[in-house]
Amino acid sequence: MDALDRWIVEHQKPYTEELRELCAIPSEATDPAALDRAAAWCMDRMRAAGCATREVRIPDVPALAVGEVGAGRRTLIAVQHYDVQPAVPLELWASPPYEPAVRDGAMYARGVSDNKGHLLLRIQAIEAHRAALGELPVRVRFLIEGQEEGGSVDLHRLIDTEPGLIDGDGALKEGGQIDPAGRPSVSCGNKGILYVQLHVRTLTLDAHSAGATHLPNAAWRLNAALGTLVDERGRILIDGFYDDVTPVSEADRERHASQPWEADEARRLYGIDRFAWGRGDREAHLASAFEPTCNICGIWSGYTGSKTKTVIPSEAFCKIDFRLVPEQDPDKLAKLLRAHLDRHEFTDVEVSYVEGERAYRGALDDPLVKACVSVAEEAFGKPATVIPNNAGTSPMWVVSHRRRLGNATLGMAHVGSAAHAPNENVLLAHYWRALRATARLYSEYARA
């Protein structure tokens, strides 16, 4: 056991208690006081690890907690967030979401994987490095925001107050995955997002269903509009939607297809026999990295209570997210969606723009990626997989596009972590390995 391992073993108990403490703060978007407490907690913890800290604030926006430590020829920007997804539905949790519980080697709490566990272990890794390996040979700058789960809508405004915050050489993204075979994954980018809500009204009030022969039903109307968006193979039918998509080289497609992917485990986890849109294993694997999406997140109309109520709904609603690939502009696509509905004679369907964020993909051979692969393989004892980007969204375009920074994940989420769902959890054995990998990264990146 080397000095770093000894430090981690000796600090497992207090570090676990710190994770409990941070995850007990219910820092959802609807609770500004809790967001402030989470930001202050992160500031205090960064200072304890030796960081110089400051808050960046603008009116009515959660604080950006900034911490800097170390020195060297490279600057690594650690992009994290302290806000969490809503914990509802509460009845599906085996233990209360803000009363962190450890059972069977895992900690359960809202935000423990996405993203409080990841942000905390990166701060603890600073402390571990300084104690066991010496002062950091790289400058690490933490940017910890409080709006990521709502699309980081004001992060660009916060950064505009201090543009130097994104001066660096590489960006360590939030999160990181361990696949079902125990292999760490290093992701070099992420998809963007356009999130909209649709609304249609066909009547001034709900009507008796006896009038279904002649009264227009809002649910049917919305259903008809949705049916124009995607074909049976999953291709999005909005004119111009793919115009700005950067073609993926055959070499990049083959490199991604050659990476391990547990298709059978994915089907088992979700209880399905086949993937959507008739996609086979290879096609689904490639689409997850390179294809944009159109997804119905929620849809509601009319009566949904118990027993019966025979009505013709007067209104119908749905929420849609489009996951975007590099070069697609969410603002432009929102206009194309409006034009598509108008062209198909759905001028009565209202479109509300909720959030938008551009995709970002860094170079797969960037020194940061190489360093993350090296330390992940050493800590987890298995070959790492390098993927062009994960299928989710994080604010890496805002942070990285100006200097075309290399991006990478290095973390410990597992296939059953249930991020955004009830019973979110992390395996503590993975946590300690990821902590070791991250501590070593701070030196490895300086040499890469």
Protein backbone atom coordinates (compact mmCIF):
# COMPACT_ATOMS: atom_id res chain seq x y z
CA MET A 1 0.00 0.00 0.00
CA ASP A 2 1.51 3.33 -1.04
CA ALA A 3 1.16 6.67 0.74
CA LEU A 4 -1.88 7.69 -1.32
CA ASP A 5 -3.75 4.47 -0.55
CA ARG A 6 -2.93 4.79 3.14
CA TRP A 7 -4.30 8.33 3.18
CA ILE A 8 -7.51 7.25 1.50
CA VAL A 9 -8.03 4.28 3.82
CA GLU A 10 -7.37 6.43 6.89
CA HIS A 11 -9.86 9.05 5.70
CA GLN A 12 -12.67 6.82 4.46
CA LYS A 13 -14.80 7.42 7.54
CA PRO A 14 -14.56 11.25 7.62
CA TYR A 15 -14.82 11.46 3.82
CA THR A 16 -17.99 9.34 3.91
CA GLU A 17 -19.44 11.63 6.56
CA GLU A 18 -18.65 14.64 4.39
CA LEU A 19 -20.53 13.03 1.52
CA ARG A 20 -23.52 12.49 3.81
CA GLU A 21 -23.40 16.10 4.94
CA LEU A 22 -23.30 17.54 1.42
CA CYS A 23 -26.03 15.22 0.12
CA ALA A 24 -28.31 16.14 3.05
CA ILE A 25 -28.66 19.66 1.61
CA PRO A 26 -31.83 19.62 -0.57
CA SER A 27 -30.36 21.90 -3.23
CA GLU A 28 -33.17 21.75 -5.77
CA ALA A 29 -33.91 24.69 -8.05
CA THR A 30 -37.05 25.56 -6.07
CA ASP A 31 -35.09 26.07 -2.82
CA PRO A 32 -32.80 29.14 -3.11
CA ALA A 33 -31.79 28.93 0.54
CA ALA A 34 -30.61 25.33 0.11
CA LEU A 35 -28.70 26.31 -3.03
CA ASP A 36 -26.93 29.02 -1.03
CA ARG A 37 -26.09 26.51 1.71
CA ALA A 38 -24.67 24.08 -0.83
CA ALA A 39 -22.54 26.79 -2.45
CA ALA A 40 -21.23 27.90 0.96
CA TRP A 41 -20.50 24.27 1.90
CA CYS A 42 -18.44 23.81 -1.26
CA MET A 43 -16.54 27.04 -0.59
CA ASP A 44 -15.68 25.93 2.93
CA ARG A 45 -14.56 22.49 1.74
CA MET A 46 -12.36 23.92 -1.01
CA ARG A 47 -10.71 26.26 1.48
CA ALA A 48 -10.04 23.32 3.81
CA ALA A 49 -8.29 21.56 0.93
CA GLY A 50 -6.02 24.57 0.39
CA CYS A 51 -7.88 26.40 -2.38
CA ALA A 52 -8.15 30.15 -2.70
CA THR A 53 -11.90 30.70 -3.06
CA ARG A 54 -14.40 33.32 -4.13
CA GLU A 55 -18.05 33.51 -5.11
CA VAL A 56 -19.13 34.96 -8.43
CA ARG A 57 -22.67 36.33 -8.26
CA ILE A 58 -25.20 38.14 -10.40
CA PRO A 59 -28.74 39.05 -9.23
CA ASP A 60 -31.24 36.22 -8.81
CA VAL A 61 -28.80 33.50 -9.89
CA PRO A 62 -27.23 30.82 -7.67
CA ALA A 63 -23.59 31.51 -6.86
CA LEU A 64 -20.70 30.17 -8.91
CA ALA A 65 -18.27 28.77 -6.34
CA VAL A 66 -14.69 29.21 -7.57
CA GLY A 67 -11.60 27.61 -6.06
CA GLU A 68 -8.00 27.60 -7.27
CA VAL A 69 -4.97 25.69 -6.09
CA GLY A 70 -1.61 24.55 -7.44
CA ALA A 71 0.80 25.90 -10.02
CA GLY A 72 2.40 24.68 -13.22
CA ARG A 73 2.44 25.01 -16.99
CA ARG A 74 -1.13 23.72 -17.33
CA THR A 75 -4.47 24.76 -15.88
CA LEU A 76 -7.20 22.17 -15.43
CA ILE A 77 -10.74 23.53 -15.10
CA ALA A 78 -12.98 21.26 -13.00
CA VAL A 79 -16.58 21.93 -14.08
CA GLN A 80 -19.05 20.76 -11.43
CA HIS A 81 -22.46 21.56 -9.94
CA TYR A 82 -24.07 21.48 -6.51
CA ASP A 83 -27.73 21.61 -7.62
CA VAL A 84 -29.71 18.36 -7.93
CA GLN A 85 -32.74 16.99 -9.73
CA PRO A 86 -36.09 17.03 -7.88
CA ALA A 87 -36.40 14.00 -5.62
CA VAL A 88 -40.04 13.25 -6.49
CA PRO A 89 -41.75 10.80 -6.48
CA LEU A 90 -40.77 10.47 -2.82
CA GLU A 91 -42.80 7.29 -2.26
CA LEU A 92 -40.45 5.32 -4.51
CA TRP A 93 -37.40 5.93 -2.32
CA ALA A 94 -36.38 3.11 0.04
CA SER A 95 -34.94 5.77 2.39
CA PRO A 96 -35.57 9.55 2.40
CA PRO A 97 -33.62 11.24 -0.40
CA TYR A 98 -32.07 13.87 1.87
CA GLU A 99 -31.24 11.50 4.70
CA PRO A 100 -28.24 9.74 3.10
CA ALA A 101 -28.14 6.04 3.94
CA VAL A 102 -25.38 3.47 3.50
CA ARG A 103 -26.43 -0.10 2.85
CA ASP A 104 -24.81 -3.01 1.04
CA GLY A 105 -21.71 -1.00 0.26
CA ALA A 106 -23.56 1.90 -1.41
CA MET A 107 -24.69 5.35 -0.33
CA TYR A 108 -28.23 6.34 -1.33
CA ALA A 109 -29.24 9.99 -1.61
CA ARG A 110 -30.46 12.50 -4.17
CA GLY A 111 -27.43 13.94 -5.95
CA VAL A 112 -24.90 11.47 -4.58
CA SER A 113 -23.91 10.43 -8.11
CA ASP A 114 -25.09 13.46 -10.08
CA ASN A 115 -23.08 15.33 -9.07
CA LYS A 116 -22.20 15.81 -5.40
CA GLY A 117 -20.16 12.62 -5.06
CA HIS A 118 -18.08 13.51 -8.09
CA LEU A 119 -17.49 17.12 -7.11
CA LEU A 120 -16.59 16.18 -3.53
CA LEU A 121 -14.11 13.45 -4.43
CA ARG A 122 -12.31 15.93 -6.72
CA ILE A 123 -11.90 18.33 -3.81
CA GLN A 124 -10.86 15.50 -1.49
CA ALA A 125 -8.35 14.40 -4.16
CA ILE A 126 -6.66 17.81 -3.89
CA GLU A 127 -6.21 17.22 -0.17
CA ALA A 128 -5.04 13.63 -0.71
CA HIS A 129 -2.51 14.69 -3.35
CA ARG A 130 -1.03 17.43 -1.17
CA ALA A 131 -0.76 15.09 1.82
CA ALA A 132 0.55 11.97 0.06
CA LEU A 133 2.17 13.14 -3.17
CA GLY A 134 3.16 16.75 -2.56
CA GLU A 135 2.02 20.11 -3.89
CA LEU A 136 0.12 20.09 -7.16
CA PRO A 137 2.26 20.51 -10.32
CA VAL A 138 -0.82 21.80 -12.16
CA ARG A 139 -3.23 24.64 -11.45
CA VAL A 140 -6.73 23.34 -10.73
CA ARG A 141 -9.63 25.77 -10.99
CA PHE A 142 -13.03 24.61 -9.74
CA LEU A 143 -16.15 26.15 -11.30
CA ILE A 144 -19.08 24.80 -9.27
CA GLU A 145 -22.45 26.13 -10.40
CA GLY A 146 -26.00 25.83 -9.13
CA GLN A 147 -28.08 25.64 -12.32
CA GLU A 148 -26.75 22.65 -14.24
CA GLU A 149 -29.89 20.57 -13.80
CA GLY A 150 -31.87 23.43 -15.35
CA GLY A 151 -29.61 23.84 -18.36
CA SER A 152 -26.91 26.15 -16.93
CA VAL A 153 -28.95 29.01 -18.34
CA ASP A 154 -26.94 31.77 -16.63
CA LEU A 155 -23.46 30.23 -16.58
CA HIS A 156 -22.38 32.30 -19.58
CA ARG A 157 -23.44 35.48 -17.74
CA LEU A 158 -21.49 34.47 -14.66
CA ILE A 159 -18.39 33.76 -16.76
CA ASP A 160 -18.81 37.03 -18.67
CA THR A 161 -18.17 38.87 -15.39
CA GLU A 162 -14.72 37.22 -15.25
CA PRO A 163 -13.78 35.86 -18.70
CA GLY A 164 -10.44 34.64 -17.35
CA LEU A 165 -12.26 31.88 -15.48
CA ILE A 166 -12.24 29.76 -18.64
CA ASP A 167 -8.59 30.38 -19.51
CA GLY A 168 -7.04 26.93 -19.24
CA ASP A 169 -5.70 23.91 -21.05
CA GLY A 170 -8.30 21.24 -20.34
CA ALA A 171 -11.67 20.76 -18.68
CA LEU A 172 -12.53 17.92 -16.31
CA LYS A 173 -16.24 17.39 -16.82
CA GLU A 174 -18.76 16.35 -14.22
CA GLY A 175 -19.40 12.67 -13.73
CA GLY A 176 -17.82 9.57 -15.18
CA GLN A 177 -18.92 5.98 -15.69
CA ILE A 178 -17.92 2.43 -14.86
CA ASP A 179 -19.54 -0.05 -17.24
CA PRO A 180 -21.13 -3.38 -16.17
CA ALA A 181 -17.83 -5.19 -16.82
CA GLY A 182 -16.00 -2.83 -14.42
CA ARG A 183 -14.27 -0.85 -17.17
CA PRO A 184 -13.92 2.91 -16.65
CA SER A 185 -15.19 5.16 -19.45
CA VAL A 186 -13.58 8.44 -20.43
CA SER A 187 -15.93 10.70 -22.38
CA CYS A 188 -14.53 13.55 -24.47
CA GLY A 189 -17.70 15.57 -24.96
CA ASN A 190 -21.45 15.74 -24.57
CA LYS A 191 -24.59 16.37 -26.54
CA GLY A 192 -26.44 19.65 -26.37
CA ILE A 193 -30.13 20.14 -25.67
CA LEU A 194 -33.21 22.01 -26.80
CA TYR A 195 -36.09 21.68 -24.31
CA VAL A 196 -39.56 22.91 -25.25
CA GLN A 197 -43.13 22.61 -24.05
CA LEU A 198 -46.04 22.28 -26.46
CA HIS A 199 -49.61 23.34 -25.64
CA VAL A 200 -52.80 23.18 -27.64
CA ARG A 201 -56.35 24.24 -26.76
CA THR A 202 -59.32 23.10 -28.83
CA LEU A 203 -62.27 24.03 -26.57
CA THR A 204 -62.98 26.69 -23.97
CA LEU A 205 -63.63 23.93 -21.42
CA ASP A 206 -63.72 20.13 -21.19
CA ALA A 207 -66.84 18.66 -22.77
CA HIS A 208 -69.01 15.56 -22.31
CA SER A 209 -67.56 12.74 -24.38
CA ALA A 210 -70.92 12.21 -26.07
CA GLY A 211 -69.83 15.14 -28.23
CA ALA A 212 -66.81 13.29 -29.59
CA THR A 213 -68.58 13.00 -32.93
CA HIS A 214 -68.07 16.70 -33.58
CA LEU A 215 -66.08 18.43 -30.81
CA PRO A 216 -62.29 18.64 -31.33
CA ASN A 217 -60.23 16.74 -28.77
CA ALA A 218 -56.99 18.49 -27.69
CA ALA A 219 -55.23 15.20 -26.97
CA TRP A 220 -55.87 13.94 -30.50
CA ARG A 221 -54.75 17.28 -31.91
CA LEU A 222 -51.47 17.22 -30.02
CA ASN A 223 -50.94 13.58 -30.91
CA ALA A 224 -51.33 14.43 -34.60
CA ALA A 225 -48.75 17.21 -34.31
CA LEU A 226 -46.27 14.95 -32.54
CA GLY A 227 -46.71 12.36 -35.25
CA THR A 228 -45.13 14.73 -37.78
CA LEU A 229 -41.84 15.09 -35.89
CA VAL A 230 -40.18 11.67 -36.22
CA ASP A 231 -40.42 8.82 -38.71
CA GLU A 232 -40.56 5.10 -37.88
CA ARG A 233 -36.74 4.87 -37.95
CA GLY A 234 -36.23 7.70 -35.49
CA ARG A 235 -35.16 10.30 -38.07
CA ILE A 236 -36.35 13.79 -37.19
CA LEU A 237 -38.55 15.24 -39.94
CA ILE A 238 -38.17 18.96 -39.22
CA ASP A 239 -36.89 20.63 -42.39
CA GLY A 240 -33.32 21.86 -41.90
CA PHE A 241 -32.82 19.99 -38.61
CA TYR A 242 -29.70 18.18 -39.85
CA ASP A 243 -28.25 21.01 -41.96
CA ASP A 244 -25.55 21.97 -39.44
CA VAL A 245 -24.67 18.46 -38.28
CA THR A 246 -20.96 17.85 -38.78
CA PRO A 247 -20.47 14.55 -40.64
CA VAL A 248 -18.74 11.89 -38.57
CA SER A 249 -15.75 10.32 -40.28
CA GLU A 250 -15.81 6.62 -40.94
CA ALA A 251 -12.63 6.29 -38.86
CA ASP A 252 -14.36 7.87 -35.85
CA ARG A 253 -17.42 5.66 -36.35
CA GLU A 254 -15.31 2.53 -36.49
CA ARG A 255 -13.25 3.58 -33.49
CA HIS A 256 -16.41 4.09 -31.43
CA ALA A 257 -18.00 0.87 -32.70
CA SER A 258 -14.89 -1.03 -31.60
CA GLN A 259 -15.26 0.15 -27.99
CA PRO A 260 -16.93 -2.31 -25.62
CA TRP A 261 -20.65 -1.79 -25.07
CA GLU A 262 -22.84 -4.03 -22.93
CA ALA A 263 -25.96 -4.15 -25.12
CA ASP A 264 -27.37 -7.22 -23.38
CA GLU A 265 -26.96 -5.55 -20.00
CA ALA A 266 -28.77 -2.44 -21.25
CA ARG A 267 -31.72 -4.55 -22.42
CA ARG A 268 -31.77 -6.47 -19.14
CA LEU A 269 -31.65 -3.30 -17.03
CA TYR A 270 -34.64 -1.74 -18.81
CA GLY A 271 -36.58 -4.95 -19.37
CA ILE A 272 -36.72 -4.70 -23.16
CA ASP A 273 -36.25 -7.25 -25.94
CA ARG A 274 -35.05 -4.80 -28.58
CA PHE A 275 -33.89 -1.22 -28.94
CA ALA A 276 -36.12 1.60 -30.19
CA TRP A 277 -36.55 2.45 -33.86
CA GLY A 278 -35.58 -1.08 -34.87
CA ARG A 279 -31.92 -0.41 -34.17
CA GLY A 280 -29.52 -3.30 -33.78
CA ASP A 281 -26.68 -3.33 -31.26
CA ARG A 282 -24.11 -1.60 -33.47
CA GLU A 283 -26.53 1.01 -34.77
CA ALA A 284 -27.78 1.81 -31.27
CA HIS A 285 -24.19 2.14 -30.00
CA LEU A 286 -23.25 4.57 -32.78
CA ALA A 287 -26.47 6.56 -32.47
CA SER A 288 -25.92 7.12 -28.76
CA ALA A 289 -22.72 9.01 -29.56
CA PHE A 290 -23.41 10.66 -32.90
CA GLU A 291 -27.15 11.08 -33.54
CA PRO A 292 -29.45 13.87 -32.35
CA THR A 293 -32.75 12.86 -30.75
CA CYS A 294 -36.35 13.96 -30.34
CA ASN A 295 -37.79 12.65 -27.09
CA ILE A 296 -41.18 13.11 -25.42
CA CYS A 297 -40.41 13.63 -21.72
CA GLY A 298 -43.99 13.95 -20.56
CA ILE A 299 -47.48 14.29 -21.98
CA TRP A 300 -50.78 15.06 -20.26
CA SER A 301 -54.37 15.94 -21.05
CA GLY A 302 -57.90 15.42 -19.81
CA TYR A 303 -58.81 13.22 -16.86
CA THR A 304 -56.15 10.91 -15.40
CA GLY A 305 -57.62 10.15 -11.98
CA SER A 306 -59.08 6.93 -10.65
CA LYS A 307 -62.39 5.44 -11.82
CA THR A 308 -63.99 7.09 -14.86
CA LYS A 309 -64.76 10.55 -16.08
CA THR A 310 -65.95 10.74 -19.67
CA VAL A 311 -64.65 14.01 -21.08
CA ILE A 312 -63.26 15.52 -24.24
CA PRO A 313 -60.05 17.29 -23.14
CA SER A 314 -59.96 20.99 -23.96
CA GLU A 315 -56.18 21.27 -23.51
CA ALA A 316 -53.14 19.05 -24.04
CA PHE A 317 -49.49 19.53 -23.12
CA CYS A 318 -46.17 17.82 -23.64
CA LYS A 319 -42.50 18.40 -22.88
CA ILE A 320 -39.91 17.49 -25.49
CA ASP A 321 -36.14 17.41 -25.37
CA PHE A 322 -33.94 17.32 -28.44
CA ARG A 323 -30.41 16.10 -27.74
CA LEU A 324 -28.09 17.88 -30.14
CA VAL A 325 -24.72 17.12 -31.71
CA PRO A 326 -21.85 19.56 -32.44
CA GLU A 327 -22.63 22.66 -34.50
CA GLN A 328 -26.40 22.48 -33.95
CA ASP A 329 -27.78 25.72 -32.48
CA PRO A 330 -30.77 25.24 -30.14
CA ASP A 331 -32.11 28.73 -30.85
CA LYS A 332 -32.13 28.08 -34.59
CA LEU A 333 -33.76 24.66 -34.12
CA ALA A 334 -36.55 26.15 -32.00
CA LYS A 335 -37.41 28.42 -34.92
CA LEU A 336 -37.31 25.46 -37.31
CA LEU A 337 -39.72 23.57 -35.03
CA ARG A 338 -42.15 26.49 -35.10
CA ALA A 339 -41.92 26.69 -38.89
CA HIS A 340 -42.45 22.91 -39.17
CA LEU A 341 -45.67 23.02 -37.14
CA ASP A 342 -46.94 25.98 -39.13
CA ARG A 343 -46.14 24.25 -42.42
CA HIS A 344 -48.14 21.20 -41.30
CA GLU A 345 -51.09 23.42 -40.33
CA PHE A 346 -50.54 23.22 -36.58
CA THR A 347 -50.42 26.97 -36.05
CA ASP A 348 -52.62 26.45 -32.98
CA VAL A 349 -49.94 24.42 -31.21
CA GLU A 350 -47.96 26.79 -28.99
CA VAL A 351 -44.22 26.26 -28.49
CA SER A 352 -42.55 27.52 -25.30
CA TYR A 353 -38.74 27.57 -25.27
CA VAL A 354 -37.56 26.25 -21.89
CA GLU A 355 -33.79 25.85 -22.29
CA GLY A 356 -31.07 25.34 -24.85
CA GLU A 357 -27.43 24.37 -24.72
CA ARG A 358 -24.94 23.56 -27.45
CA ALA A 359 -23.01 20.31 -27.78
CA TYR A 360 -19.24 20.12 -27.36
CA ARG A 361 -16.71 17.48 -28.34
CA GLY A 362 -13.00 17.74 -27.60
CA ALA A 363 -10.13 15.90 -29.26
CA LEU A 364 -9.90 12.20 -28.43
CA ASP A 365 -6.09 12.35 -28.34
CA ASP A 366 -5.85 15.39 -26.05
CA PRO A 367 -3.25 15.11 -23.24
CA LEU A 368 -6.07 15.31 -20.66
CA VAL A 369 -7.81 12.31 -22.20
CA LYS A 370 -4.57 10.32 -22.21
CA ALA A 371 -3.92 11.22 -18.56
CA CYS A 372 -7.46 10.23 -17.52
CA VAL A 373 -7.16 6.89 -19.33
CA SER A 374 -3.85 6.16 -17.61
CA VAL A 375 -5.00 6.88 -14.06
CA ALA A 376 -8.42 5.23 -14.55
CA GLU A 377 -6.85 2.00 -15.79
CA GLU A 378 -4.41 1.98 -12.88
CA ALA A 379 -7.11 2.58 -10.28
CA PHE A 380 -9.78 0.22 -11.64
CA GLY A 381 -7.44 -2.45 -13.03
CA LYS A 382 -9.17 -2.72 -16.42
CA PRO A 383 -8.76 -1.11 -19.85
CA ALA A 384 -10.61 2.17 -20.18
CA THR A 385 -13.00 2.92 -23.02
CA VAL A 386 -12.75 6.30 -24.73
CA ILE A 387 -16.02 7.60 -26.18
CA PRO A 388 -16.47 10.75 -28.31
CA ASN A 389 -19.21 12.08 -26.07
CA ASN A 390 -21.82 10.89 -23.66
CA ALA A 391 -25.48 11.14 -24.55
CA GLY A 392 -26.32 13.64 -21.81
CA THR A 393 -25.75 17.39 -21.61
CA SER A 394 -23.42 19.53 -19.55
CA PRO A 395 -22.24 23.13 -20.07
CA MET A 396 -18.93 22.29 -21.72
CA TRP A 397 -19.49 24.42 -24.83
CA VAL A 398 -19.72 27.54 -22.66
CA VAL A 399 -16.52 26.64 -20.83
CA SER A 400 -14.49 25.07 -23.63
CA HIS A 401 -15.34 26.34 -27.10
CA ARG A 402 -13.35 29.59 -26.94
CA ARG A 403 -10.03 27.78 -26.51
CA ARG A 404 -11.11 24.39 -27.92
CA LEU A 405 -10.20 22.76 -24.63
CA GLY A 406 -9.75 19.04 -24.28
CA ASN A 407 -12.57 17.49 -22.25
CA ALA A 408 -12.69 14.32 -20.18
CA THR A 409 -14.71 12.56 -17.52
CA LEU A 410 -13.16 10.57 -14.69
CA GLY A 411 -15.61 9.12 -12.23
CA MET A 412 -17.40 6.24 -10.61
CA ALA A 413 -21.10 6.10 -11.54
CA HIS A 414 -22.28 2.56 -12.27
CA VAL A 415 -25.09 1.25 -14.44
CA GLY A 416 -27.47 1.09 -11.45
CA SER A 417 -26.66 4.53 -10.03
CA ALA A 418 -30.19 5.75 -10.86
CA ALA A 419 -29.22 9.37 -11.46
CA HIS A 420 -32.37 11.53 -11.86
CA ALA A 421 -34.41 8.63 -10.45
CA PRO A 422 -35.46 7.36 -7.00
CA ASN A 423 -32.80 5.52 -4.98
CA GLU A 424 -29.85 7.29 -6.59
CA ASN A 425 -26.65 5.75 -5.28
CA VAL A 426 -22.90 5.26 -5.61
CA LEU A 427 -20.85 2.21 -4.75
CA LEU A 428 -18.31 3.27 -2.13
CA ALA A 429 -15.71 0.86 -3.49
CA HIS A 430 -15.92 2.75 -6.79
CA TYR A 431 -15.75 6.06 -4.91
CA TRP A 432 -12.38 5.24 -3.34
CA ARG A 433 -10.93 4.04 -6.64
CA ALA A 434 -12.11 7.20 -8.38
CA LEU A 435 -10.62 9.28 -5.57
CA ARG A 436 -7.25 7.59 -6.10
CA ALA A 437 -7.48 8.08 -9.87
CA THR A 438 -8.33 11.77 -9.52
CA ALA A 439 -5.53 12.47 -7.05
CA ARG A 440 -3.06 10.85 -9.45
CA LEU A 441 -4.56 12.76 -12.39
CA TYR A 442 -3.34 16.06 -10.99
CA SER A 443 0.25 14.88 -11.39
CA GLU A 444 -0.28 12.78 -14.52
CA TYR A 445 -1.81 15.67 -16.46
CA ALA A 446 1.16 17.86 -15.64
CA ARG A 447 3.43 15.27 -17.30
CA ALA A 448 1.20 14.19 -20.23
